[in-house]
Protein backbone atom coordinates (compact mmCIF):
# COMPACT_ATOMS: atom_id res chain seq x y z
CA MET A 1 -38.53 80.87 76.24
CA ASN A 2 -35.25 80.40 74.42
CA ASP A 3 -34.31 78.12 71.50
CA ASP A 4 -33.11 75.28 73.75
CA ASP A 5 -36.43 75.23 75.59
CA ARG A 6 -38.37 75.23 72.31
CA LYS A 7 -36.23 72.41 70.96
CA LEU A 8 -36.69 70.42 74.19
CA LEU A 9 -40.47 71.03 74.08
CA ALA A 10 -40.64 69.99 70.41
CA ASP A 11 -38.69 66.80 71.19
CA ALA A 12 -41.03 66.02 74.10
CA VAL A 13 -44.11 66.56 71.93
CA GLY A 14 -42.61 64.35 69.19
CA VAL A 15 -41.92 61.56 71.68
CA MET A 16 -45.45 61.84 73.08
CA ASN A 17 -46.94 61.62 69.57
CA ASP A 18 -44.80 58.54 68.84
CA LEU A 19 -45.96 56.95 72.10
CA ARG A 20 -49.60 57.71 71.23
CA ALA A 21 -49.19 56.02 67.84
CA ASP A 22 -47.50 53.01 69.45
CA MET A 23 -50.29 52.73 72.02
CA GLN A 24 -52.95 52.82 69.30
CA GLU A 25 -51.13 50.04 67.42
CA PHE A 26 -50.81 48.06 70.66
CA ARG A 27 -54.53 48.46 71.41
CA GLY A 28 -55.36 47.16 67.94
CA GLU A 29 -53.14 44.12 68.47
CA MET A 30 -54.72 43.47 71.87
CA LYS A 31 -58.25 43.67 70.39
CA GLU A 32 -57.24 41.18 67.70
CA PHE A 33 -55.70 38.86 70.32
CA LYS A 34 -58.84 39.11 72.45
CA GLN A 35 -61.06 38.21 69.50
CA GLN A 36 -58.88 35.21 68.61
CA SER A 37 -58.86 34.07 72.24
CA LEU A 38 -62.65 34.32 72.45
CA VAL A 39 -63.01 32.24 69.28
CA ARG A 40 -60.68 29.58 70.68
CA ILE A 41 -62.37 29.52 74.10
CA THR A 42 -65.81 29.30 72.48
CA ALA A 43 -64.64 26.37 70.34
CA LEU A 44 -63.20 24.59 73.39
CA GLU A 45 -66.37 25.13 75.40
CA SER A 46 -68.60 23.87 72.60
CA ASP A 47 -66.37 20.80 72.18
CA GLN A 48 -66.56 20.14 75.92
CA VAL A 49 -70.35 20.49 75.97
CA GLU A 50 -70.62 18.19 72.96
CA CYS A 51 -68.33 15.68 74.68
CA GLN A 52 -70.57 15.72 77.77
CA LYS A 53 -73.72 15.26 75.71
CA ASN A 54 -72.30 12.61 73.40
CA PRO A 55 -69.17 10.91 74.81
CA THR A 56 -68.47 9.02 71.59
CA VAL A 57 -67.49 12.36 70.03
CA CYS A 58 -64.77 12.93 72.63
CA ALA A 59 -61.43 11.28 71.85
CA THR A 60 -60.59 10.85 75.55
CA ALA A 61 -63.88 9.08 76.21
CA ARG A 62 -63.30 6.75 73.26
CA LEU A 63 -59.79 5.93 74.50
CA LEU A 64 -61.09 5.28 78.01
CA GLU A 65 -63.84 3.05 76.66
CA ASN A 66 -61.30 1.04 74.64
CA HIS A 67 -59.01 0.78 77.66
CA LEU A 68 -61.82 -0.51 79.87
CA ALA A 69 -62.92 -2.96 77.19
CA GLY A 70 -59.40 -4.38 77.17
CA HIS A 71 -59.58 -5.12 80.91
CA LYS A 72 -62.66 -7.32 80.78
CA GLY A 73 -60.67 -10.53 80.33
CA GLY A 74 -59.60 -13.16 82.86
CA LYS A 75 -56.10 -11.73 83.16
CA GLY A 76 -57.39 -8.77 85.15
CA LEU A 77 -59.30 -11.06 87.48
CA ALA A 78 -56.20 -13.17 88.14
CA VAL A 79 -54.14 -10.08 88.94
CA SER A 80 -56.85 -8.87 91.30
CA ILE A 81 -56.95 -12.20 93.15
CA TRP A 82 -53.15 -12.18 93.53
CA ALA A 83 -53.29 -8.60 94.80
CA VAL A 84 -55.87 -9.54 97.45
CA CYS A 85 -53.75 -12.54 98.53
CA VAL A 86 -50.55 -10.52 98.82
CA SER A 87 -52.36 -7.73 100.70
CA THR A 88 -53.87 -10.23 103.14
CA VAL A 89 -50.50 -11.86 103.81
CA MET A 90 -48.83 -8.49 104.33
CA CYS A 91 -51.60 -7.37 106.70
CA ALA A 92 -51.28 -10.58 108.72
CA PHE A 93 -47.49 -10.21 108.79
CA THR A 94 -47.78 -6.61 110.02
CA LEU A 95 -50.21 -7.60 112.79
CA ILE A 96 -48.05 -10.53 113.91
CA MET A 97 -44.93 -8.33 114.00
CA ALA A 98 -46.81 -5.72 116.03
CA PHE A 99 -47.89 -8.33 118.61
CA VAL A 100 -44.40 -9.84 118.75
CA LYS A 101 -42.76 -6.46 119.40
CA ARG A 102 -45.27 -5.58 122.15
CA GLY A 103 -44.89 -8.85 123.94
């Protein structure tokens, strides 16, 4: 083994040691990320379970409840009646046009 081979071997060993140190640092960062992710997921799951048990805790449920409460007036009923009338007229028009085109 000559000097060039020894130098090449020493460089290779140095690079491998650097890679080992980098991998250990990376593993530590991944463990920390995993722990943070587990804490976040656990918090989300507990919030979801609490929302299912007690919907008044959940912001979405409160917003939905307020939205539905706003639609209990007569305005919604009038819109519904108009929608039924328009749908009926359009259905009758479609049927009449179908019979006219066949005949």
